N, C-alpha and C. Protein backbone atom coordinates (compact mmCIF):
# COMPACT_ATOMS: atom_id res chain seq x y z
N MET A 1 16.56 1.08 17.09
CA MET A 1 15.32 0.33 16.90
C MET A 1 14.44 1.04 15.88
N THR A 2 13.94 0.29 14.89
CA THR A 2 13.07 0.88 13.89
C THR A 2 11.69 1.13 14.49
N LEU A 3 10.94 2.02 13.86
CA LEU A 3 9.61 2.33 14.36
C LEU A 3 8.70 1.12 14.31
N ILE A 4 8.77 0.36 13.22
CA ILE A 4 7.87 -0.79 13.09
C ILE A 4 8.17 -1.85 14.15
N LYS A 5 9.45 -1.99 14.51
CA LYS A 5 9.79 -2.93 15.58
C LYS A 5 9.27 -2.42 16.92
N PHE A 6 9.36 -1.12 17.14
CA PHE A 6 8.82 -0.54 18.37
C PHE A 6 7.31 -0.77 18.45
N ILE A 7 6.62 -0.56 17.34
CA ILE A 7 5.18 -0.80 17.30
C ILE A 7 4.86 -2.26 17.58
N GLU A 8 5.68 -3.16 17.01
CA GLU A 8 5.47 -4.58 17.24
C GLU A 8 5.63 -4.93 18.72
N ILE A 9 6.64 -4.37 19.37
CA ILE A 9 6.85 -4.62 20.80
C ILE A 9 5.68 -4.08 21.62
N MET A 10 5.24 -2.88 21.29
CA MET A 10 4.10 -2.30 22.00
C MET A 10 2.85 -3.15 21.82
N ALA A 11 2.64 -3.66 20.60
CA ALA A 11 1.49 -4.52 20.33
C ALA A 11 1.56 -5.80 21.16
N ILE A 12 2.75 -6.38 21.24
CA ILE A 12 2.94 -7.60 22.03
C ILE A 12 2.62 -7.35 23.50
N LEU A 13 3.08 -6.24 24.03
CA LEU A 13 2.83 -5.92 25.43
C LEU A 13 1.34 -5.72 25.70
N VAL A 14 0.68 -5.01 24.79
CA VAL A 14 -0.76 -4.78 24.97
C VAL A 14 -1.52 -6.10 24.85
N GLY A 15 -1.15 -6.92 23.86
CA GLY A 15 -1.79 -8.22 23.72
C GLY A 15 -1.60 -9.09 24.94
N ALA A 16 -0.38 -9.10 25.47
CA ALA A 16 -0.11 -9.87 26.68
C ALA A 16 -0.92 -9.36 27.86
N PHE A 17 -1.06 -8.05 27.96
CA PHE A 17 -1.83 -7.45 29.05
C PHE A 17 -3.28 -7.93 29.01
N SER A 18 -3.87 -7.96 27.82
CA SER A 18 -5.25 -8.45 27.70
C SER A 18 -5.32 -9.92 28.12
N GLY A 19 -4.27 -10.68 27.80
CA GLY A 19 -4.22 -12.08 28.22
C GLY A 19 -4.10 -12.22 29.72
N PHE A 20 -3.27 -11.38 30.36
CA PHE A 20 -3.14 -11.40 31.81
C PHE A 20 -4.49 -11.17 32.47
N ILE A 21 -5.21 -10.16 31.98
CA ILE A 21 -6.49 -9.80 32.59
C ILE A 21 -7.49 -10.95 32.47
N GLU A 22 -7.61 -11.48 31.26
CA GLU A 22 -8.59 -12.54 31.04
C GLU A 22 -8.24 -13.80 31.83
N ALA A 23 -6.96 -14.13 31.90
CA ALA A 23 -6.54 -15.31 32.66
C ALA A 23 -6.83 -15.15 34.15
N ARG A 24 -6.60 -13.97 34.68
CA ARG A 24 -6.90 -13.74 36.09
C ARG A 24 -8.40 -13.78 36.35
N ARG A 25 -9.19 -13.27 35.41
CA ARG A 25 -10.64 -13.33 35.56
C ARG A 25 -11.10 -14.79 35.64
N LYS A 26 -10.40 -15.66 34.94
CA LYS A 26 -10.75 -17.08 34.95
C LYS A 26 -10.06 -17.82 36.10
N ARG A 27 -9.35 -17.07 36.97
CA ARG A 27 -8.68 -17.63 38.15
C ARG A 27 -7.66 -18.71 37.78
N MET A 28 -6.91 -18.45 36.72
CA MET A 28 -5.87 -19.39 36.31
C MET A 28 -4.63 -19.23 37.17
N ASP A 29 -3.84 -20.29 37.22
CA ASP A 29 -2.57 -20.22 37.95
C ASP A 29 -1.51 -19.58 37.07
N LEU A 30 -0.27 -19.55 37.54
CA LEU A 30 0.81 -18.87 36.82
C LEU A 30 1.02 -19.45 35.43
N VAL A 31 0.95 -20.79 35.32
CA VAL A 31 1.13 -21.41 34.00
C VAL A 31 0.02 -20.96 33.05
N GLY A 32 -1.20 -20.92 33.56
CA GLY A 32 -2.32 -20.47 32.73
C GLY A 32 -2.18 -19.02 32.32
N VAL A 33 -1.76 -18.17 33.25
CA VAL A 33 -1.58 -16.75 32.96
C VAL A 33 -0.54 -16.56 31.86
N PHE A 34 0.59 -17.26 31.99
CA PHE A 34 1.64 -17.14 30.98
C PHE A 34 1.16 -17.66 29.63
N THR A 35 0.48 -18.79 29.62
CA THR A 35 0.02 -19.40 28.37
C THR A 35 -0.97 -18.50 27.64
N VAL A 36 -1.94 -17.98 28.37
CA VAL A 36 -2.95 -17.12 27.74
C VAL A 36 -2.31 -15.82 27.23
N ALA A 37 -1.40 -15.24 28.03
CA ALA A 37 -0.72 -14.03 27.60
C ALA A 37 0.14 -14.29 26.37
N PHE A 38 0.82 -15.42 26.34
CA PHE A 38 1.67 -15.78 25.21
C PHE A 38 0.84 -15.92 23.94
N ILE A 39 -0.29 -16.60 24.05
CA ILE A 39 -1.16 -16.79 22.89
C ILE A 39 -1.73 -15.46 22.41
N ALA A 40 -2.16 -14.62 23.35
CA ALA A 40 -2.73 -13.33 22.97
C ALA A 40 -1.68 -12.44 22.30
N ALA A 41 -0.45 -12.52 22.80
CA ALA A 41 0.61 -11.66 22.28
C ALA A 41 1.14 -12.12 20.93
N PHE A 42 1.21 -13.44 20.71
CA PHE A 42 1.90 -13.96 19.53
C PHE A 42 1.01 -14.68 18.53
N GLY A 43 -0.27 -14.90 18.89
CA GLY A 43 -1.13 -15.69 18.01
C GLY A 43 -1.32 -15.11 16.63
N GLY A 44 -1.65 -13.82 16.57
CA GLY A 44 -1.90 -13.19 15.28
C GLY A 44 -0.66 -13.12 14.42
N GLY A 45 0.46 -12.72 15.02
CA GLY A 45 1.71 -12.63 14.27
C GLY A 45 2.21 -13.99 13.80
N THR A 46 1.94 -15.03 14.60
CA THR A 46 2.35 -16.38 14.20
C THR A 46 1.58 -16.84 12.97
N LEU A 47 0.26 -16.64 12.97
CA LEU A 47 -0.54 -17.02 11.80
C LEU A 47 -0.11 -16.21 10.58
N ARG A 48 0.15 -14.93 10.77
CA ARG A 48 0.64 -14.10 9.66
C ARG A 48 1.93 -14.66 9.08
N ASP A 49 2.88 -15.00 9.93
CA ASP A 49 4.16 -15.52 9.45
C ASP A 49 3.99 -16.85 8.73
N ILE A 50 3.08 -17.69 9.23
CA ILE A 50 2.82 -18.98 8.57
C ILE A 50 2.24 -18.74 7.17
N LEU A 51 1.27 -17.84 7.07
CA LEU A 51 0.64 -17.57 5.78
C LEU A 51 1.60 -16.90 4.80
N LEU A 52 2.52 -16.09 5.32
CA LEU A 52 3.50 -15.42 4.47
C LEU A 52 4.74 -16.29 4.25
N ASP A 53 4.74 -17.49 4.84
CA ASP A 53 5.86 -18.42 4.72
C ASP A 53 7.16 -17.79 5.21
N ARG A 54 7.06 -17.11 6.35
CA ARG A 54 8.23 -16.49 6.97
C ARG A 54 8.76 -17.42 8.05
N ARG A 55 10.00 -17.82 7.93
CA ARG A 55 10.63 -18.69 8.91
C ARG A 55 12.02 -18.14 9.23
N PRO A 56 12.44 -18.23 10.49
CA PRO A 56 11.67 -18.66 11.67
C PRO A 56 10.57 -17.64 12.00
N LEU A 57 9.64 -18.04 12.85
CA LEU A 57 8.60 -17.14 13.28
C LEU A 57 9.21 -15.95 14.01
N PHE A 58 8.49 -14.82 13.99
CA PHE A 58 9.07 -13.58 14.51
C PHE A 58 9.47 -13.68 15.98
N TRP A 59 8.71 -14.44 16.79
CA TRP A 59 9.07 -14.54 18.21
C TRP A 59 10.15 -15.58 18.46
N VAL A 60 10.44 -16.40 17.46
CA VAL A 60 11.58 -17.30 17.55
C VAL A 60 12.87 -16.53 17.27
N ILE A 61 12.82 -15.66 16.27
CA ILE A 61 13.99 -14.82 15.97
C ILE A 61 14.31 -13.92 17.16
N HIS A 62 13.26 -13.34 17.74
CA HIS A 62 13.44 -12.42 18.87
C HIS A 62 13.00 -13.12 20.15
N GLN A 63 13.86 -13.99 20.67
CA GLN A 63 13.48 -14.73 21.88
C GLN A 63 13.25 -13.81 23.07
N GLU A 64 13.79 -12.60 22.99
CA GLU A 64 13.58 -11.66 24.09
C GLU A 64 12.11 -11.31 24.26
N TYR A 65 11.32 -11.41 23.19
CA TYR A 65 9.89 -11.17 23.31
C TYR A 65 9.25 -12.20 24.25
N ALA A 66 9.57 -13.47 24.02
CA ALA A 66 9.00 -14.54 24.86
C ALA A 66 9.49 -14.42 26.29
N ILE A 67 10.78 -14.08 26.46
CA ILE A 67 11.33 -13.91 27.81
C ILE A 67 10.61 -12.77 28.53
N LEU A 68 10.34 -11.69 27.80
CA LEU A 68 9.64 -10.55 28.38
C LEU A 68 8.26 -10.94 28.88
N ILE A 69 7.52 -11.71 28.09
CA ILE A 69 6.19 -12.15 28.50
C ILE A 69 6.28 -13.04 29.75
N PHE A 70 7.30 -13.90 29.79
CA PHE A 70 7.49 -14.78 30.94
C PHE A 70 7.74 -13.96 32.20
N VAL A 71 8.63 -12.98 32.12
CA VAL A 71 8.93 -12.15 33.29
C VAL A 71 7.70 -11.35 33.71
N LEU A 72 6.99 -10.80 32.74
CA LEU A 72 5.80 -10.02 33.07
C LEU A 72 4.72 -10.89 33.71
N ALA A 73 4.63 -12.15 33.29
CA ALA A 73 3.64 -13.06 33.88
C ALA A 73 3.92 -13.25 35.37
N LEU A 74 5.18 -13.29 35.75
CA LEU A 74 5.54 -13.44 37.17
C LEU A 74 5.09 -12.24 37.97
N VAL A 75 5.17 -11.06 37.35
CA VAL A 75 4.82 -9.82 38.06
C VAL A 75 3.34 -9.52 37.94
N ALA A 76 2.79 -9.77 36.75
CA ALA A 76 1.41 -9.36 36.49
C ALA A 76 0.39 -10.14 37.30
N SER A 77 0.67 -11.43 37.53
CA SER A 77 -0.32 -12.25 38.22
C SER A 77 -0.66 -11.71 39.61
N PRO A 78 0.33 -11.49 40.49
CA PRO A 78 -0.03 -10.93 41.81
C PRO A 78 -0.51 -9.49 41.72
N LEU A 79 0.00 -8.71 40.74
CA LEU A 79 -0.41 -7.32 40.61
C LEU A 79 -1.88 -7.22 40.23
N ILE A 80 -2.29 -7.99 39.23
CA ILE A 80 -3.68 -7.95 38.79
C ILE A 80 -4.60 -8.52 39.87
N ARG A 81 -4.11 -9.53 40.61
CA ARG A 81 -4.91 -10.07 41.71
C ARG A 81 -5.16 -8.98 42.76
N THR A 82 -4.14 -8.17 43.01
CA THR A 82 -4.27 -7.09 43.98
C THR A 82 -5.25 -6.02 43.48
N LEU A 83 -5.21 -5.78 42.16
CA LEU A 83 -6.04 -4.73 41.58
C LEU A 83 -7.28 -5.29 40.88
N ARG A 84 -7.73 -6.46 41.32
CA ARG A 84 -8.81 -7.12 40.58
C ARG A 84 -10.12 -6.33 40.60
N GLN A 85 -10.27 -5.41 41.56
CA GLN A 85 -11.50 -4.65 41.61
C GLN A 85 -11.64 -3.70 40.42
N ILE A 86 -10.51 -3.36 39.75
CA ILE A 86 -10.61 -2.47 38.59
C ILE A 86 -10.48 -3.23 37.29
N VAL A 87 -10.28 -4.54 37.38
CA VAL A 87 -10.18 -5.35 36.18
C VAL A 87 -11.58 -5.66 35.68
N SER A 88 -11.94 -5.09 34.58
CA SER A 88 -13.29 -5.23 34.07
C SER A 88 -13.25 -5.45 32.57
N GLU A 89 -14.42 -5.68 32.01
CA GLU A 89 -14.50 -5.83 30.56
C GLU A 89 -14.02 -4.56 29.86
N ARG A 90 -14.21 -3.40 30.49
CA ARG A 90 -13.77 -2.15 29.88
C ARG A 90 -12.26 -2.15 29.65
N LEU A 91 -11.50 -2.64 30.63
CA LEU A 91 -10.05 -2.70 30.46
C LEU A 91 -9.66 -3.64 29.33
N ILE A 92 -10.36 -4.76 29.23
CA ILE A 92 -10.06 -5.71 28.16
C ILE A 92 -10.37 -5.08 26.80
N VAL A 93 -11.48 -4.36 26.71
CA VAL A 93 -11.85 -3.71 25.44
C VAL A 93 -10.81 -2.67 25.05
N ILE A 94 -10.36 -1.89 26.03
CA ILE A 94 -9.35 -0.87 25.73
C ILE A 94 -8.04 -1.51 25.29
N ALA A 95 -7.62 -2.54 26.02
CA ALA A 95 -6.39 -3.25 25.64
C ALA A 95 -6.54 -3.88 24.26
N ASP A 96 -7.71 -4.45 23.99
CA ASP A 96 -7.96 -5.04 22.68
C ASP A 96 -7.90 -4.00 21.58
N ALA A 97 -8.48 -2.83 21.84
CA ALA A 97 -8.52 -1.78 20.82
C ALA A 97 -7.11 -1.27 20.48
N VAL A 98 -6.32 -1.04 21.51
CA VAL A 98 -4.94 -0.58 21.28
C VAL A 98 -4.14 -1.67 20.58
N GLY A 99 -4.28 -2.91 21.04
CA GLY A 99 -3.58 -4.01 20.39
C GLY A 99 -4.02 -4.20 18.96
N LEU A 100 -5.32 -4.04 18.69
CA LEU A 100 -5.84 -4.18 17.34
C LEU A 100 -5.16 -3.19 16.40
N GLY A 101 -5.07 -1.93 16.83
CA GLY A 101 -4.44 -0.92 15.99
C GLY A 101 -2.98 -1.21 15.73
N LEU A 102 -2.24 -1.51 16.78
CA LEU A 102 -0.80 -1.74 16.64
C LEU A 102 -0.50 -3.01 15.84
N PHE A 103 -1.16 -4.10 16.19
CA PHE A 103 -0.91 -5.36 15.50
C PHE A 103 -1.31 -5.29 14.03
N SER A 104 -2.44 -4.65 13.75
CA SER A 104 -2.93 -4.59 12.37
C SER A 104 -1.95 -3.87 11.45
N ILE A 105 -1.46 -2.74 11.90
CA ILE A 105 -0.53 -1.99 11.07
C ILE A 105 0.81 -2.71 10.95
N ALA A 106 1.25 -3.34 12.04
CA ALA A 106 2.49 -4.13 11.97
C ALA A 106 2.33 -5.28 10.97
N GLY A 107 1.17 -5.92 10.97
CA GLY A 107 0.93 -7.03 10.05
C GLY A 107 0.87 -6.57 8.60
N THR A 108 0.22 -5.44 8.36
CA THR A 108 0.14 -4.90 7.00
C THR A 108 1.53 -4.53 6.50
N SER A 109 2.32 -3.91 7.36
CA SER A 109 3.68 -3.53 6.99
C SER A 109 4.53 -4.75 6.66
N ALA A 110 4.38 -5.82 7.46
CA ALA A 110 5.15 -7.04 7.21
C ALA A 110 4.75 -7.66 5.88
N ALA A 111 3.47 -7.62 5.55
CA ALA A 111 3.00 -8.17 4.28
C ALA A 111 3.54 -7.36 3.10
N LEU A 112 3.60 -6.05 3.26
CA LEU A 112 4.17 -5.21 2.21
C LEU A 112 5.65 -5.52 2.01
N ASP A 113 6.36 -5.75 3.11
CA ASP A 113 7.77 -6.11 3.02
C ASP A 113 7.97 -7.43 2.29
N ALA A 114 6.94 -8.30 2.36
CA ALA A 114 6.99 -9.59 1.66
C ALA A 114 6.45 -9.48 0.23
N ASN A 115 6.22 -8.24 -0.22
CA ASN A 115 5.77 -7.95 -1.59
C ASN A 115 4.39 -8.53 -1.90
N MET A 116 3.52 -8.54 -0.91
CA MET A 116 2.16 -8.98 -1.13
C MET A 116 1.34 -7.88 -1.81
N PRO A 117 0.34 -8.25 -2.60
CA PRO A 117 -0.58 -7.25 -3.18
C PRO A 117 -1.28 -6.47 -2.08
N LEU A 118 -1.80 -5.31 -2.41
CA LEU A 118 -2.36 -4.42 -1.41
C LEU A 118 -3.52 -5.05 -0.64
N PHE A 119 -4.43 -5.71 -1.37
CA PHE A 119 -5.58 -6.30 -0.68
C PHE A 119 -5.12 -7.40 0.28
N ILE A 120 -4.20 -8.24 -0.17
CA ILE A 120 -3.69 -9.31 0.69
C ILE A 120 -2.98 -8.71 1.90
N ALA A 121 -2.23 -7.62 1.68
CA ALA A 121 -1.55 -6.96 2.79
C ALA A 121 -2.55 -6.46 3.83
N SER A 122 -3.66 -5.90 3.35
CA SER A 122 -4.68 -5.41 4.28
C SER A 122 -5.31 -6.56 5.07
N MET A 123 -5.53 -7.71 4.41
CA MET A 123 -6.11 -8.86 5.10
C MET A 123 -5.12 -9.47 6.10
N MET A 124 -3.84 -9.47 5.75
CA MET A 124 -2.82 -9.95 6.69
C MET A 124 -2.80 -9.07 7.94
N GLY A 125 -3.03 -7.78 7.74
CA GLY A 125 -3.12 -6.89 8.89
C GLY A 125 -4.30 -7.22 9.78
N VAL A 126 -5.44 -7.52 9.17
CA VAL A 126 -6.63 -7.90 9.95
C VAL A 126 -6.36 -9.18 10.73
N ILE A 127 -5.78 -10.17 10.06
CA ILE A 127 -5.48 -11.45 10.71
C ILE A 127 -4.54 -11.24 11.90
N THR A 128 -3.49 -10.45 11.68
CA THR A 128 -2.54 -10.17 12.75
C THR A 128 -3.21 -9.47 13.91
N GLY A 129 -4.16 -8.57 13.58
CA GLY A 129 -4.82 -7.79 14.62
C GLY A 129 -5.80 -8.56 15.47
N ILE A 130 -6.51 -9.53 14.87
CA ILE A 130 -7.62 -10.15 15.61
C ILE A 130 -7.33 -11.55 16.12
N PHE A 131 -6.37 -12.27 15.51
CA PHE A 131 -6.29 -13.70 15.79
C PHE A 131 -5.76 -14.01 17.18
N GLY A 132 -4.89 -13.16 17.72
CA GLY A 132 -4.41 -13.40 19.08
C GLY A 132 -5.55 -13.34 20.08
N GLY A 133 -6.45 -12.35 19.91
CA GLY A 133 -7.60 -12.24 20.79
C GLY A 133 -8.58 -13.39 20.62
N VAL A 134 -8.73 -13.86 19.38
CA VAL A 134 -9.60 -15.01 19.12
C VAL A 134 -9.09 -16.23 19.88
N LEU A 135 -7.80 -16.52 19.75
CA LEU A 135 -7.22 -17.67 20.45
C LEU A 135 -7.29 -17.51 21.96
N ARG A 136 -7.04 -16.31 22.45
CA ARG A 136 -7.13 -16.04 23.88
C ARG A 136 -8.50 -16.40 24.42
N ASP A 137 -9.54 -15.95 23.73
CA ASP A 137 -10.90 -16.21 24.20
C ASP A 137 -11.25 -17.69 24.11
N ILE A 138 -10.80 -18.36 23.05
CA ILE A 138 -11.08 -19.79 22.91
C ILE A 138 -10.43 -20.57 24.04
N VAL A 139 -9.17 -20.27 24.34
CA VAL A 139 -8.48 -20.96 25.43
C VAL A 139 -9.18 -20.70 26.77
N CYS A 140 -9.74 -19.51 26.91
CA CYS A 140 -10.46 -19.16 28.15
C CYS A 140 -11.92 -19.59 28.11
N ASN A 141 -12.27 -20.43 27.13
CA ASN A 141 -13.62 -21.00 27.02
C ASN A 141 -14.69 -19.92 26.85
N GLU A 142 -14.36 -18.92 26.03
CA GLU A 142 -15.30 -17.86 25.70
C GLU A 142 -15.50 -17.82 24.19
N VAL A 143 -16.70 -17.43 23.77
CA VAL A 143 -16.88 -17.13 22.35
C VAL A 143 -16.05 -15.88 22.07
N PRO A 144 -15.16 -15.91 21.06
CA PRO A 144 -14.28 -14.75 20.82
C PRO A 144 -15.04 -13.44 20.71
N MET A 145 -14.51 -12.41 21.33
CA MET A 145 -15.15 -11.10 21.35
C MET A 145 -15.46 -10.60 19.95
N VAL A 146 -14.56 -10.88 19.01
CA VAL A 146 -14.75 -10.41 17.65
C VAL A 146 -15.99 -11.02 17.00
N PHE A 147 -16.45 -12.18 17.52
CA PHE A 147 -17.60 -12.86 16.95
C PHE A 147 -18.90 -12.63 17.72
N ARG A 148 -18.80 -12.12 18.95
CA ARG A 148 -19.99 -12.13 19.80
C ARG A 148 -20.57 -10.75 20.12
N ASP A 149 -19.79 -9.66 20.01
CA ASP A 149 -20.38 -8.40 20.45
C ASP A 149 -21.06 -7.63 19.32
N GLY A 150 -20.96 -8.15 18.08
CA GLY A 150 -21.68 -7.53 16.97
C GLY A 150 -21.10 -6.22 16.48
N LYS A 151 -19.99 -5.80 17.07
CA LYS A 151 -19.40 -4.53 16.67
C LYS A 151 -18.35 -4.77 15.56
N PRO A 152 -18.13 -3.77 14.70
CA PRO A 152 -17.27 -3.98 13.52
C PRO A 152 -15.79 -4.01 13.88
N TYR A 153 -15.40 -5.02 14.63
CA TYR A 153 -14.03 -5.16 15.13
C TYR A 153 -13.04 -5.33 13.98
N ALA A 154 -13.25 -6.35 13.17
CA ALA A 154 -12.35 -6.60 12.04
C ALA A 154 -12.45 -5.50 10.99
N ILE A 155 -13.66 -4.94 10.83
CA ILE A 155 -13.84 -3.87 9.85
C ILE A 155 -13.03 -2.64 10.22
N CYS A 156 -12.93 -2.35 11.52
CA CYS A 156 -12.10 -1.23 11.97
C CYS A 156 -10.65 -1.43 11.52
N ALA A 157 -10.16 -2.66 11.69
CA ALA A 157 -8.79 -2.97 11.27
C ALA A 157 -8.65 -2.85 9.76
N PHE A 158 -9.62 -3.37 9.03
CA PHE A 158 -9.57 -3.35 7.57
C PHE A 158 -9.52 -1.90 7.05
N LEU A 159 -10.39 -1.04 7.59
CA LEU A 159 -10.41 0.36 7.16
C LEU A 159 -9.11 1.07 7.51
N GLY A 160 -8.61 0.83 8.72
CA GLY A 160 -7.35 1.46 9.12
C GLY A 160 -6.17 0.99 8.29
N ASN A 161 -6.18 -0.29 7.92
CA ASN A 161 -5.10 -0.81 7.07
C ASN A 161 -5.11 -0.12 5.71
N TRP A 162 -6.30 0.09 5.18
CA TRP A 162 -6.38 0.78 3.89
C TRP A 162 -6.01 2.26 4.00
N LEU A 163 -6.29 2.86 5.15
CA LEU A 163 -5.82 4.23 5.38
C LEU A 163 -4.29 4.26 5.32
N PHE A 164 -3.67 3.30 5.97
CA PHE A 164 -2.20 3.20 5.95
C PHE A 164 -1.68 2.99 4.52
N LEU A 165 -2.32 2.09 3.78
CA LEU A 165 -1.88 1.81 2.41
C LEU A 165 -2.06 3.02 1.51
N LEU A 166 -3.18 3.71 1.65
CA LEU A 166 -3.43 4.88 0.81
C LEU A 166 -2.45 6.01 1.12
N MET A 167 -2.15 6.20 2.40
CA MET A 167 -1.18 7.24 2.75
C MET A 167 0.19 6.91 2.16
N GLY A 168 0.53 5.61 2.14
CA GLY A 168 1.78 5.22 1.50
C GLY A 168 1.76 5.46 0.01
N MET A 169 0.63 5.17 -0.63
CA MET A 169 0.51 5.37 -2.08
C MET A 169 0.64 6.84 -2.45
N TYR A 170 0.15 7.72 -1.59
CA TYR A 170 0.20 9.15 -1.87
C TYR A 170 1.43 9.83 -1.29
N GLY A 171 2.37 9.04 -0.82
CA GLY A 171 3.67 9.57 -0.45
C GLY A 171 3.75 10.26 0.89
N LEU A 172 2.80 10.02 1.77
CA LEU A 172 2.89 10.63 3.10
C LEU A 172 4.04 9.99 3.88
N GLU A 173 4.56 10.73 4.81
CA GLU A 173 5.70 10.28 5.60
C GLU A 173 5.36 8.97 6.31
N HIS A 174 6.28 7.99 6.24
CA HIS A 174 5.99 6.62 6.67
C HIS A 174 5.65 6.55 8.15
N ASP A 175 6.43 7.19 9.01
CA ASP A 175 6.18 7.12 10.45
C ASP A 175 4.82 7.72 10.80
N PHE A 176 4.49 8.82 10.14
CA PHE A 176 3.17 9.44 10.36
C PHE A 176 2.06 8.49 9.95
N ALA A 177 2.24 7.82 8.82
CA ALA A 177 1.23 6.88 8.34
C ALA A 177 1.05 5.72 9.32
N LEU A 178 2.14 5.21 9.86
CA LEU A 178 2.07 4.11 10.82
C LEU A 178 1.26 4.50 12.06
N TRP A 179 1.66 5.58 12.70
CA TRP A 179 1.03 5.96 13.96
C TRP A 179 -0.41 6.41 13.77
N SER A 180 -0.66 7.23 12.74
CA SER A 180 -2.01 7.75 12.55
C SER A 180 -2.99 6.63 12.20
N SER A 181 -2.54 5.65 11.42
CA SER A 181 -3.41 4.53 11.07
C SER A 181 -3.70 3.66 12.28
N ALA A 182 -2.68 3.39 13.10
CA ALA A 182 -2.89 2.61 14.32
C ALA A 182 -3.85 3.33 15.27
N LEU A 183 -3.70 4.64 15.41
CA LEU A 183 -4.60 5.41 16.27
C LEU A 183 -6.01 5.42 15.71
N PHE A 184 -6.13 5.49 14.39
CA PHE A 184 -7.44 5.47 13.75
C PHE A 184 -8.17 4.17 14.07
N ILE A 185 -7.48 3.03 13.94
CA ILE A 185 -8.09 1.74 14.22
C ILE A 185 -8.53 1.64 15.68
N SER A 186 -7.62 2.00 16.59
CA SER A 186 -7.94 1.91 18.02
C SER A 186 -9.09 2.84 18.37
N GLY A 187 -9.04 4.06 17.86
CA GLY A 187 -10.10 5.02 18.16
C GLY A 187 -11.44 4.59 17.60
N LEU A 188 -11.44 4.08 16.37
CA LEU A 188 -12.69 3.64 15.76
C LEU A 188 -13.28 2.47 16.53
N ARG A 189 -12.44 1.54 16.96
CA ARG A 189 -12.91 0.40 17.75
C ARG A 189 -13.54 0.88 19.06
N LEU A 190 -12.90 1.82 19.73
CA LEU A 190 -13.44 2.32 21.00
C LEU A 190 -14.74 3.09 20.79
N ILE A 191 -14.85 3.81 19.68
CA ILE A 191 -16.08 4.54 19.37
C ILE A 191 -17.24 3.57 19.17
N THR A 192 -16.99 2.49 18.41
CA THR A 192 -18.06 1.51 18.18
C THR A 192 -18.50 0.85 19.48
N TRP A 193 -17.55 0.66 20.39
CA TRP A 193 -17.89 0.06 21.68
C TRP A 193 -18.63 1.06 22.57
N LYS A 194 -18.13 2.30 22.62
CA LYS A 194 -18.72 3.33 23.47
C LYS A 194 -20.17 3.61 23.10
N PHE A 195 -20.44 3.71 21.79
CA PHE A 195 -21.79 4.06 21.33
C PHE A 195 -22.59 2.84 20.91
N ASP A 196 -22.05 1.66 21.20
CA ASP A 196 -22.77 0.41 20.97
C ASP A 196 -23.23 0.28 19.51
N LEU A 197 -22.32 0.61 18.59
CA LEU A 197 -22.61 0.49 17.16
C LEU A 197 -22.42 -0.97 16.76
N ARG A 198 -23.43 -1.54 16.13
CA ARG A 198 -23.40 -2.96 15.79
C ARG A 198 -23.74 -3.16 14.33
N MET A 199 -23.33 -4.32 13.83
CA MET A 199 -23.62 -4.69 12.46
C MET A 199 -24.17 -6.10 12.42
N GLY A 200 -25.14 -6.33 11.57
CA GLY A 200 -25.64 -7.67 11.33
C GLY A 200 -26.42 -8.27 12.49
N ARG A 201 -26.93 -7.43 13.38
CA ARG A 201 -27.70 -7.96 14.52
C ARG A 201 -28.97 -7.15 14.67
């Protein structure tokens, strides 16, 4: 398994986890839990593939991803119900931050593989990072977190994507660039949330 595929799988799992939590908070049934988790896990990557004209979509090629989310939905629903006392906005923010970092770098890497210009690659990373969460919140009848908390959510992804691109331009080891950039995005997002750093409000 390549590193980028491993990162993609980790991003999908984290995205699905945020979907599980939000769906349970809304007291959805099993179908709702699976649907929200599926959208959170695959929404950003699906839009990326559509914009890059990549067919079939990444989760169609790898049906095991969808099967994994289905199996996890069966387990996660009763588990999260049991642990609902610790399910809070903090957990969703942490899951979002980790997913943002992983998805963003996976999206930027995919755009580079498609020979996109650097700026477009960075924007594809942002789209991949945020769009699953946007769709998750819309389906759950919430204003998307990226639009409502005033924190530089997308900007964190954009800066981290450029860190990844610059490290590649200067010849740093690829695996190091992938992980360090993903950690940078996740860490920066959590810092902005922890210290309540806001923009435009």
